[in-house]
Amino acid sequence: MKTKMNTPAYETFCRLMTEENLYVDPTLTFATVCRWIGVSPSELDLELGEELGFSGEAMIHHLRARQAARLREQYGIVR
């Protein structure tokens, strides 16, 4: 079985989200990140959906929600 290679844009997006934590910027949008890395949002959305089951905006939202939950738990922050 042949393994699909991810595109450089996919790899860059994932690194920016998971290593650089760009998602913490509340003004950041998926379209902005796509513009920075020079890829069409629809193309990257398709690849993200196939690989991760998330759209780009959904992934950013998921990471923000996960970070908020972690901070609430760690610091006892109540909504």
N, C-alpha and C. Protein backbone atom coordinates (compact mmCIF):
# COMPACT_ATOMS: atom_id res chain seq x y z
N MET A 1 0.84 -1.20 0.00
CA MET A 1 0.00 0.00 0.00
C MET A 1 0.88 1.25 0.00
N LYS A 2 0.63 2.14 -0.90
CA LYS A 2 1.40 3.36 -1.04
C LYS A 2 0.86 4.43 -0.09
N THR A 3 1.75 5.09 0.64
CA THR A 3 1.37 6.16 1.55
C THR A 3 1.38 7.48 0.79
N LYS A 4 0.33 8.26 0.97
CA LYS A 4 0.21 9.57 0.31
C LYS A 4 1.15 10.56 0.98
N MET A 5 1.86 11.31 0.17
CA MET A 5 2.73 12.36 0.68
C MET A 5 1.90 13.64 0.85
N ASN A 6 2.07 14.29 1.97
CA ASN A 6 1.38 15.56 2.18
C ASN A 6 2.10 16.68 1.45
N THR A 7 1.35 17.68 1.04
CA THR A 7 1.93 18.82 0.33
C THR A 7 2.74 19.68 1.30
N PRO A 8 3.67 20.46 0.78
CA PRO A 8 4.41 21.39 1.64
C PRO A 8 3.49 22.38 2.37
N ALA A 9 2.42 22.81 1.70
CA ALA A 9 1.48 23.75 2.34
C ALA A 9 0.80 23.08 3.54
N TYR A 10 0.42 21.82 3.40
CA TYR A 10 -0.20 21.08 4.50
C TYR A 10 0.78 20.98 5.67
N GLU A 11 2.01 20.60 5.36
CA GLU A 11 3.03 20.45 6.41
C GLU A 11 3.28 21.79 7.10
N THR A 12 3.37 22.86 6.33
CA THR A 12 3.61 24.18 6.91
C THR A 12 2.44 24.61 7.79
N PHE A 13 1.22 24.42 7.30
CA PHE A 13 0.04 24.78 8.10
C PHE A 13 0.04 24.04 9.43
N CYS A 14 0.27 22.75 9.38
CA CYS A 14 0.26 21.94 10.61
C CYS A 14 1.35 22.39 11.58
N ARG A 15 2.55 22.69 11.05
CA ARG A 15 3.63 23.18 11.92
C ARG A 15 3.28 24.53 12.52
N LEU A 16 2.71 25.42 11.73
CA LEU A 16 2.34 26.74 12.25
C LEU A 16 1.30 26.62 13.37
N MET A 17 0.41 25.67 13.25
CA MET A 17 -0.62 25.49 14.27
C MET A 17 -0.09 24.77 15.50
N THR A 18 0.69 23.71 15.32
CA THR A 18 1.08 22.87 16.45
C THR A 18 2.41 23.25 17.09
N GLU A 19 3.33 23.82 16.32
CA GLU A 19 4.63 24.19 16.89
C GLU A 19 4.71 25.68 17.21
N GLU A 20 4.14 26.50 16.36
CA GLU A 20 4.20 27.95 16.56
C GLU A 20 2.97 28.50 17.28
N ASN A 21 1.93 27.66 17.40
CA ASN A 21 0.71 28.03 18.13
C ASN A 21 0.06 29.32 17.63
N LEU A 22 0.06 29.51 16.32
CA LEU A 22 -0.53 30.73 15.76
C LEU A 22 -2.01 30.86 16.05
N TYR A 23 -2.67 29.75 16.34
CA TYR A 23 -4.11 29.78 16.60
C TYR A 23 -4.49 30.62 17.81
N VAL A 24 -3.53 30.94 18.68
CA VAL A 24 -3.87 31.73 19.86
C VAL A 24 -4.21 33.18 19.51
N ASP A 25 -3.84 33.61 18.32
CA ASP A 25 -4.22 34.95 17.86
C ASP A 25 -5.70 34.93 17.48
N PRO A 26 -6.55 35.62 18.23
CA PRO A 26 -7.99 35.54 17.97
C PRO A 26 -8.41 36.15 16.64
N THR A 27 -7.54 36.95 16.03
CA THR A 27 -7.88 37.56 14.75
C THR A 27 -7.45 36.69 13.56
N LEU A 28 -6.71 35.64 13.83
CA LEU A 28 -6.21 34.78 12.77
C LEU A 28 -7.34 34.00 12.10
N THR A 29 -7.32 33.98 10.78
CA THR A 29 -8.28 33.18 10.03
C THR A 29 -7.53 32.17 9.17
N PHE A 30 -8.23 31.14 8.78
CA PHE A 30 -7.65 30.13 7.90
C PHE A 30 -7.23 30.77 6.58
N ALA A 31 -8.05 31.65 6.05
CA ALA A 31 -7.73 32.31 4.79
C ALA A 31 -6.44 33.12 4.88
N THR A 32 -6.21 33.76 6.02
CA THR A 32 -4.98 34.53 6.22
C THR A 32 -3.77 33.61 6.20
N VAL A 33 -3.84 32.51 6.91
CA VAL A 33 -2.72 31.56 6.93
C VAL A 33 -2.46 31.03 5.53
N CYS A 34 -3.51 30.71 4.80
CA CYS A 34 -3.36 30.22 3.43
C CYS A 34 -2.67 31.26 2.55
N ARG A 35 -3.04 32.51 2.72
CA ARG A 35 -2.40 33.59 1.95
C ARG A 35 -0.92 33.67 2.29
N TRP A 36 -0.56 33.56 3.58
CA TRP A 36 0.83 33.61 4.01
C TRP A 36 1.66 32.50 3.37
N ILE A 37 1.08 31.31 3.29
CA ILE A 37 1.86 30.18 2.77
C ILE A 37 1.65 29.94 1.29
N GLY A 38 0.81 30.77 0.66
CA GLY A 38 0.66 30.74 -0.79
C GLY A 38 -0.11 29.57 -1.33
N VAL A 39 -1.22 29.25 -0.67
CA VAL A 39 -2.05 28.14 -1.13
C VAL A 39 -3.51 28.56 -1.11
N SER A 40 -4.29 27.98 -1.99
CA SER A 40 -5.72 28.24 -2.02
C SER A 40 -6.39 27.61 -0.79
N PRO A 41 -7.24 28.37 -0.10
CA PRO A 41 -7.94 27.79 1.05
C PRO A 41 -8.74 26.53 0.69
N SER A 42 -9.35 26.52 -0.49
CA SER A 42 -10.14 25.35 -0.86
C SER A 42 -9.26 24.12 -1.07
N GLU A 43 -8.07 24.31 -1.64
CA GLU A 43 -7.15 23.18 -1.84
C GLU A 43 -6.67 22.63 -0.50
N LEU A 44 -6.25 23.52 0.40
CA LEU A 44 -5.75 23.06 1.69
C LEU A 44 -6.87 22.48 2.53
N ASP A 45 -8.06 23.06 2.45
CA ASP A 45 -9.22 22.52 3.16
C ASP A 45 -9.49 21.07 2.74
N LEU A 46 -9.40 20.82 1.46
CA LEU A 46 -9.62 19.47 0.95
C LEU A 46 -8.60 18.50 1.53
N GLU A 47 -7.34 18.88 1.52
CA GLU A 47 -6.30 18.00 2.05
C GLU A 47 -6.45 17.79 3.56
N LEU A 48 -6.74 18.86 4.28
CA LEU A 48 -6.95 18.73 5.73
C LEU A 48 -8.13 17.81 6.03
N GLY A 49 -9.20 17.98 5.26
CA GLY A 49 -10.37 17.12 5.46
C GLY A 49 -10.06 15.66 5.21
N GLU A 50 -9.31 15.39 4.16
CA GLU A 50 -8.95 14.01 3.83
C GLU A 50 -8.03 13.40 4.88
N GLU A 51 -7.08 14.18 5.37
CA GLU A 51 -6.08 13.67 6.31
C GLU A 51 -6.55 13.68 7.76
N LEU A 52 -7.23 14.74 8.17
CA LEU A 52 -7.55 14.93 9.58
C LEU A 52 -9.04 14.91 9.90
N GLY A 53 -9.86 15.06 8.88
CA GLY A 53 -11.29 15.10 9.12
C GLY A 53 -11.78 16.46 9.59
N PHE A 54 -10.95 17.48 9.47
CA PHE A 54 -11.30 18.84 9.87
C PHE A 54 -11.10 19.78 8.68
N SER A 55 -11.93 20.81 8.59
CA SER A 55 -11.62 21.91 7.67
C SER A 55 -10.57 22.77 8.37
N GLY A 56 -9.99 23.70 7.65
CA GLY A 56 -8.98 24.58 8.24
C GLY A 56 -9.55 25.43 9.38
N GLU A 57 -10.70 26.05 9.13
CA GLU A 57 -11.33 26.86 10.20
C GLU A 57 -11.71 25.99 11.39
N ALA A 58 -12.21 24.79 11.13
CA ALA A 58 -12.59 23.89 12.23
C ALA A 58 -11.37 23.47 13.04
N MET A 59 -10.25 23.27 12.36
CA MET A 59 -9.03 22.89 13.08
C MET A 59 -8.57 24.02 13.99
N ILE A 60 -8.58 25.25 13.46
CA ILE A 60 -8.20 26.40 14.29
C ILE A 60 -9.14 26.53 15.48
N HIS A 61 -10.43 26.39 15.25
CA HIS A 61 -11.41 26.47 16.34
C HIS A 61 -11.17 25.36 17.36
N HIS A 62 -10.92 24.14 16.90
CA HIS A 62 -10.66 23.00 17.78
C HIS A 62 -9.43 23.26 18.66
N LEU A 63 -8.36 23.75 18.05
CA LEU A 63 -7.14 24.04 18.82
C LEU A 63 -7.38 25.13 19.86
N ARG A 64 -8.16 26.15 19.50
CA ARG A 64 -8.48 27.22 20.46
C ARG A 64 -9.31 26.68 21.61
N ALA A 65 -10.29 25.85 21.30
CA ALA A 65 -11.15 25.28 22.34
C ALA A 65 -10.36 24.36 23.26
N ARG A 66 -9.45 23.57 22.68
CA ARG A 66 -8.62 22.67 23.48
C ARG A 66 -7.70 23.47 24.41
N GLN A 67 -7.13 24.55 23.90
CA GLN A 67 -6.26 25.41 24.71
C GLN A 67 -7.06 26.06 25.84
N ALA A 68 -8.25 26.54 25.54
CA ALA A 68 -9.09 27.17 26.57
C ALA A 68 -9.45 26.16 27.66
N ALA A 69 -9.79 24.94 27.28
CA ALA A 69 -10.13 23.90 28.26
C ALA A 69 -8.92 23.58 29.13
N ARG A 70 -7.74 23.51 28.52
CA ARG A 70 -6.52 23.22 29.28
C ARG A 70 -6.25 24.33 30.29
N LEU A 71 -6.40 25.57 29.87
CA LEU A 71 -6.16 26.69 30.78
C LEU A 71 -7.19 26.73 31.92
N ARG A 72 -8.45 26.44 31.57
CA ARG A 72 -9.49 26.39 32.62
C ARG A 72 -9.14 25.33 33.66
N GLU A 73 -8.74 24.17 33.19
CA GLU A 73 -8.41 23.08 34.10
C GLU A 73 -7.15 23.39 34.91
N GLN A 74 -6.13 23.88 34.26
CA GLN A 74 -4.86 24.14 34.91
C GLN A 74 -4.95 25.25 35.95
N TYR A 75 -5.71 26.29 35.66
CA TYR A 75 -5.76 27.45 36.54
C TYR A 75 -7.09 27.63 37.27
N GLY A 76 -7.98 26.69 37.10
CA GLY A 76 -9.27 26.77 37.78
C GLY A 76 -10.14 27.90 37.29
N ILE A 77 -9.95 28.29 36.04
CA ILE A 77 -10.71 29.39 35.48
C ILE A 77 -12.14 28.91 35.22
N VAL A 78 -13.10 29.69 35.70
CA VAL A 78 -14.50 29.36 35.49
C VAL A 78 -15.04 30.31 34.45
N ARG A 79 -15.81 29.77 33.53
CA ARG A 79 -16.40 30.62 32.49
C ARG A 79 -17.42 31.54 33.04
